[in-house]
């Protein structure tokens, strides 16, 4: 019994290590896991500001954010497996400004999905 629990724990921690990098080309997809859920804004003490929008951080370094609360994002839990697909990339961005990619993400546990950017502002914005 202890061995079965140890194996289950090991697998739970190994799954995020199998996350694929964020897709780089429109139409490409990758699997990753939820690292944590956030609100869009935090106060000066690092506490979430309620109703400031939804944000989600992936174990592969990906991030999506919305000014609105997104129920399908908020229904996710740390560790949930996700399928993330690159939908669009902004054009004419200043050199080094990579913000504004749009990803469609599906939570493979809840089957909920959302399409959100990787930053609050697109490239060249605020």
C-alpha atoms as a PDB file:
ATOM      1  CA  UNK A   1       0.000   0.000   0.000  1.00  0.00           C
ATOM      2  CA  UNK A   2       2.773   2.447   0.915  1.00  0.00           C
ATOM      3  CA  UNK A   3       4.516   1.634  -2.364  1.00  0.00           C
ATOM      4  CA  UNK A   4       1.336   2.408  -4.346  1.00  0.00           C
ATOM      5  CA  UNK A   5       0.996   5.766  -2.588  1.00  0.00           C
ATOM      6  CA  UNK A   6       4.662   6.564  -3.247  1.00  0.00           C
ATOM      7  CA  UNK A   7       4.240   5.760  -6.942  1.00  0.00           C
ATOM      8  CA  UNK A   8       1.090   7.896  -7.171  1.00  0.00           C
ATOM      9  CA  UNK A   9       2.875  10.835  -5.528  1.00  0.00           C
ATOM     10  CA  UNK A  10       5.878  10.436  -7.837  1.00  0.00           C
ATOM     11  CA  UNK A  11       3.642  10.404 -10.907  1.00  0.00           C
ATOM     12  CA  UNK A  12       1.733  13.469  -9.728  1.00  0.00           C
ATOM     13  CA  UNK A  13       4.965  15.435  -9.464  1.00  0.00           C
ATOM     14  CA  UNK A  14       6.401  13.995 -12.687  1.00  0.00           C
ATOM     15  CA  UNK A  15       3.454  15.029 -14.880  1.00  0.00           C
ATOM     16  CA  UNK A  16       4.278  18.769 -14.880  1.00  0.00           C
ATOM     17  CA  UNK A  17       7.867  17.932 -15.806  1.00  0.00           C
ATOM     18  CA  UNK A  18       6.520  16.461 -19.052  1.00  0.00           C
ATOM     19  CA  UNK A  19       5.034  19.806 -20.122  1.00  0.00           C
ATOM     20  CA  UNK A  20       5.880  20.849 -23.663  1.00  0.00           C
ATOM     21  CA  UNK A  21       7.135  24.355 -24.508  1.00  0.00           C
ATOM     22  CA  UNK A  22       4.562  26.920 -25.604  1.00  0.00           C
ATOM     23  CA  UNK A  23       3.730  26.615 -29.319  1.00  0.00           C
ATOM     24  CA  UNK A  24       5.669  28.982 -31.595  1.00  0.00           C
ATOM     25  CA  UNK A  25       3.737  28.742 -34.869  1.00  0.00           C
ATOM     26  CA  UNK A  26       0.060  29.516 -35.499  1.00  0.00           C
ATOM     27  CA  UNK A  27      -1.873  26.254 -35.499  1.00  0.00           C
ATOM     28  CA  UNK A  28       0.649  24.411 -33.303  1.00  0.00           C
ATOM     29  CA  UNK A  29      -0.462  23.040 -29.935  1.00  0.00           C
ATOM     30  CA  UNK A  30       1.286  21.837 -26.788  1.00  0.00           C
ATOM     31  CA  UNK A  31       0.336  20.067 -23.593  1.00  0.00           C
ATOM     32  CA  UNK A  32       1.182  21.614 -20.255  1.00  0.00           C
ATOM     33  CA  UNK A  33      -0.288  21.854 -16.758  1.00  0.00           C
ATOM     34  CA  UNK A  34      -1.687  24.610 -14.564  1.00  0.00           C
ATOM     35  CA  UNK A  35       0.935  25.972 -12.164  1.00  0.00           C
ATOM     36  CA  UNK A  36      -1.381  28.465 -10.460  1.00  0.00           C
ATOM     37  CA  UNK A  37      -4.416  30.675 -10.875  1.00  0.00           C
ATOM     38  CA  UNK A  38      -4.243  34.395 -10.209  1.00  0.00           C
ATOM     39  CA  UNK A  39      -6.312  37.515 -10.513  1.00  0.00           C
ATOM     40  CA  UNK A  40      -5.170  39.988 -13.167  1.00  0.00           C
ATOM     41  CA  UNK A  41      -4.044  42.499 -10.552  1.00  0.00           C
ATOM     42  CA  UNK A  42      -2.367  42.227  -7.137  1.00  0.00           C
ATOM     43  CA  UNK A  43      -2.227  44.936  -4.494  1.00  0.00           C
ATOM     44  CA  UNK A  44       0.980  46.393  -3.036  1.00  0.00           C
ATOM     45  CA  UNK A  45       1.211  43.491  -0.585  1.00  0.00           C
ATOM     46  CA  UNK A  46       0.910  40.883  -3.342  1.00  0.00           C
ATOM     47  CA  UNK A  47      -2.684  40.020  -2.453  1.00  0.00           C
ATOM     48  CA  UNK A  48      -5.199  39.399  -5.258  1.00  0.00           C
ATOM     49  CA  UNK A  49      -7.551  42.217  -6.199  1.00  0.00           C
ATOM     50  CA  UNK A  50     -11.009  40.673  -6.545  1.00  0.00           C
ATOM     51  CA  UNK A  51     -12.900  41.236  -9.798  1.00  0.00           C
ATOM     52  CA  UNK A  52      -9.782  42.535 -11.590  1.00  0.00           C
ATOM     53  CA  UNK A  53      -9.929  39.671 -14.087  1.00  0.00           C
ATOM     54  CA  UNK A  54      -8.560  36.164 -14.452  1.00  0.00           C
ATOM     55  CA  UNK A  55      -4.997  35.013 -15.050  1.00  0.00           C
ATOM     56  CA  UNK A  56      -3.451  31.573 -15.320  1.00  0.00           C
ATOM     57  CA  UNK A  57       0.191  30.466 -15.177  1.00  0.00           C
ATOM     58  CA  UNK A  58       1.380  27.250 -16.828  1.00  0.00           C
ATOM     59  CA  UNK A  59       4.242  25.007 -15.688  1.00  0.00           C
ATOM     60  CA  UNK A  60       5.989  25.563 -19.038  1.00  0.00           C
ATOM     61  CA  UNK A  61       6.161  29.332 -18.410  1.00  0.00           C
ATOM     62  CA  UNK A  62       3.058  30.215 -20.418  1.00  0.00           C
ATOM     63  CA  UNK A  63       0.595  32.804 -19.137  1.00  0.00           C
ATOM     64  CA  UNK A  64      -2.837  34.067 -20.158  1.00  0.00           C
ATOM     65  CA  UNK A  65      -4.772  37.005 -18.780  1.00  0.00           C
ATOM     66  CA  UNK A  66      -8.153  38.715 -19.104  1.00  0.00           C
ATOM     67  CA  UNK A  67      -9.640  41.963 -17.820  1.00  0.00           C
ATOM     68  CA  UNK A  68     -12.811  39.938 -17.198  1.00  0.00           C
ATOM     69  CA  UNK A  69     -13.359  37.007 -14.865  1.00  0.00           C
ATOM     70  CA  UNK A  70     -13.359  33.886 -17.040  1.00  0.00           C
ATOM     71  CA  UNK A  71     -15.340  31.049 -15.460  1.00  0.00           C
ATOM     72  CA  UNK A  72     -13.558  28.311 -17.412  1.00  0.00           C
ATOM     73  CA  UNK A  73     -10.152  29.624 -16.304  1.00  0.00           C
ATOM     74  CA  UNK A  74     -11.305  29.995 -12.701  1.00  0.00           C
ATOM     75  CA  UNK A  75     -12.636  26.393 -12.712  1.00  0.00           C
ATOM     76  CA  UNK A  76      -9.108  25.113 -13.336  1.00  0.00           C
ATOM     77  CA  UNK A  77      -6.911  23.730 -10.569  1.00  0.00           C
ATOM     78  CA  UNK A  78      -3.140  23.493 -10.159  1.00  0.00           C
ATOM     79  CA  UNK A  79      -1.938  20.349 -11.904  1.00  0.00           C
ATOM     80  CA  UNK A  80      -4.780  20.195 -14.444  1.00  0.00           C
ATOM     81  CA  UNK A  81      -3.553  19.116 -17.871  1.00  0.00           C
ATOM     82  CA  UNK A  82      -4.094  21.647 -20.642  1.00  0.00           C
ATOM     83  CA  UNK A  83      -3.896  21.733 -24.417  1.00  0.00           C
ATOM     84  CA  UNK A  84      -2.667  25.155 -25.563  1.00  0.00           C
ATOM     85  CA  UNK A  85      -2.839  26.166 -29.245  1.00  0.00           C
ATOM     86  CA  UNK A  86      -1.380  29.330 -30.778  1.00  0.00           C
ATOM     87  CA  UNK A  87      -4.168  31.153 -32.634  1.00  0.00           C
ATOM     88  CA  UNK A  88      -2.513  34.420 -33.695  1.00  0.00           C
ATOM     89  CA  UNK A  89       0.677  36.460 -33.456  1.00  0.00           C
ATOM     90  CA  UNK A  90       0.646  40.268 -33.791  1.00  0.00           C
ATOM     91  CA  UNK A  91       2.514  41.814 -36.713  1.00  0.00           C
ATOM     92  CA  UNK A  92       4.759  44.872 -36.850  1.00  0.00           C
ATOM     93  CA  UNK A  93       5.931  44.624 -33.247  1.00  0.00           C
ATOM     94  CA  UNK A  94       8.903  46.603 -31.950  1.00  0.00           C
ATOM     95  CA  UNK A  95      12.064  44.508 -31.698  1.00  0.00           C
ATOM     96  CA  UNK A  96      12.086  42.523 -28.467  1.00  0.00           C
ATOM     97  CA  UNK A  97       8.384  43.086 -27.707  1.00  0.00           C
ATOM     98  CA  UNK A  98       6.822  39.628 -27.950  1.00  0.00           C
ATOM     99  CA  UNK A  99       3.496  40.391 -26.228  1.00  0.00           C
ATOM    100  CA  UNK A 100       0.103  39.857 -27.772  1.00  0.00           C
ATOM    101  CA  UNK A 101       0.086  36.233 -28.833  1.00  0.00           C
ATOM    102  CA  UNK A 102      -3.407  34.730 -28.596  1.00  0.00           C
ATOM    103  CA  UNK A 103      -3.798  31.141 -27.405  1.00  0.00           C
ATOM    104  CA  UNK A 104      -6.834  28.863 -27.245  1.00  0.00           C
ATOM    105  CA  UNK A 105      -6.547  26.638 -24.192  1.00  0.00           C
ATOM    106  CA  UNK A 106      -8.612  23.600 -23.278  1.00  0.00           C
ATOM    107  CA  UNK A 107      -8.609  22.151 -19.772  1.00  0.00           C
ATOM    108  CA  UNK A 108      -8.548  18.386 -20.301  1.00  0.00           C
ATOM    109  CA  UNK A 109     -10.147  17.730 -16.892  1.00  0.00           C
ATOM    110  CA  UNK A 110     -13.098  20.134 -17.127  1.00  0.00           C
ATOM    111  CA  UNK A 111     -13.283  20.275 -20.946  1.00  0.00           C
ATOM    112  CA  UNK A 112     -13.730  24.038 -20.601  1.00  0.00           C
ATOM    113  CA  UNK A 113     -11.824  26.269 -23.008  1.00  0.00           C
ATOM    114  CA  UNK A 114     -10.867  29.909 -23.398  1.00  0.00           C
ATOM    115  CA  UNK A 115      -9.045  32.105 -25.899  1.00  0.00           C
ATOM    116  CA  UNK A 116      -6.889  34.786 -24.297  1.00  0.00           C
ATOM    117  CA  UNK A 117      -3.682  36.764 -24.865  1.00  0.00           C
ATOM    118  CA  UNK A 118      -0.364  36.227 -23.127  1.00  0.00           C
ATOM    119  CA  UNK A 119      -0.270  39.805 -21.809  1.00  0.00           C
ATOM    120  CA  UNK A 120      -2.616  42.619 -20.814  1.00  0.00           C
ATOM    121  CA  UNK A 121      -1.432  44.704 -23.780  1.00  0.00           C
ATOM    122  CA  UNK A 122      -0.332  43.699 -27.256  1.00  0.00           C
ATOM    123  CA  UNK A 123       3.129  44.545 -28.540  1.00  0.00           C
ATOM    124  CA  UNK A 124       3.827  48.243 -28.800  1.00  0.00           C
ATOM    125  CA  UNK A 125       1.098  48.944 -26.212  1.00  0.00           C
ATOM    126  CA  UNK A 126       1.275  50.316 -22.685  1.00  0.00           C
END
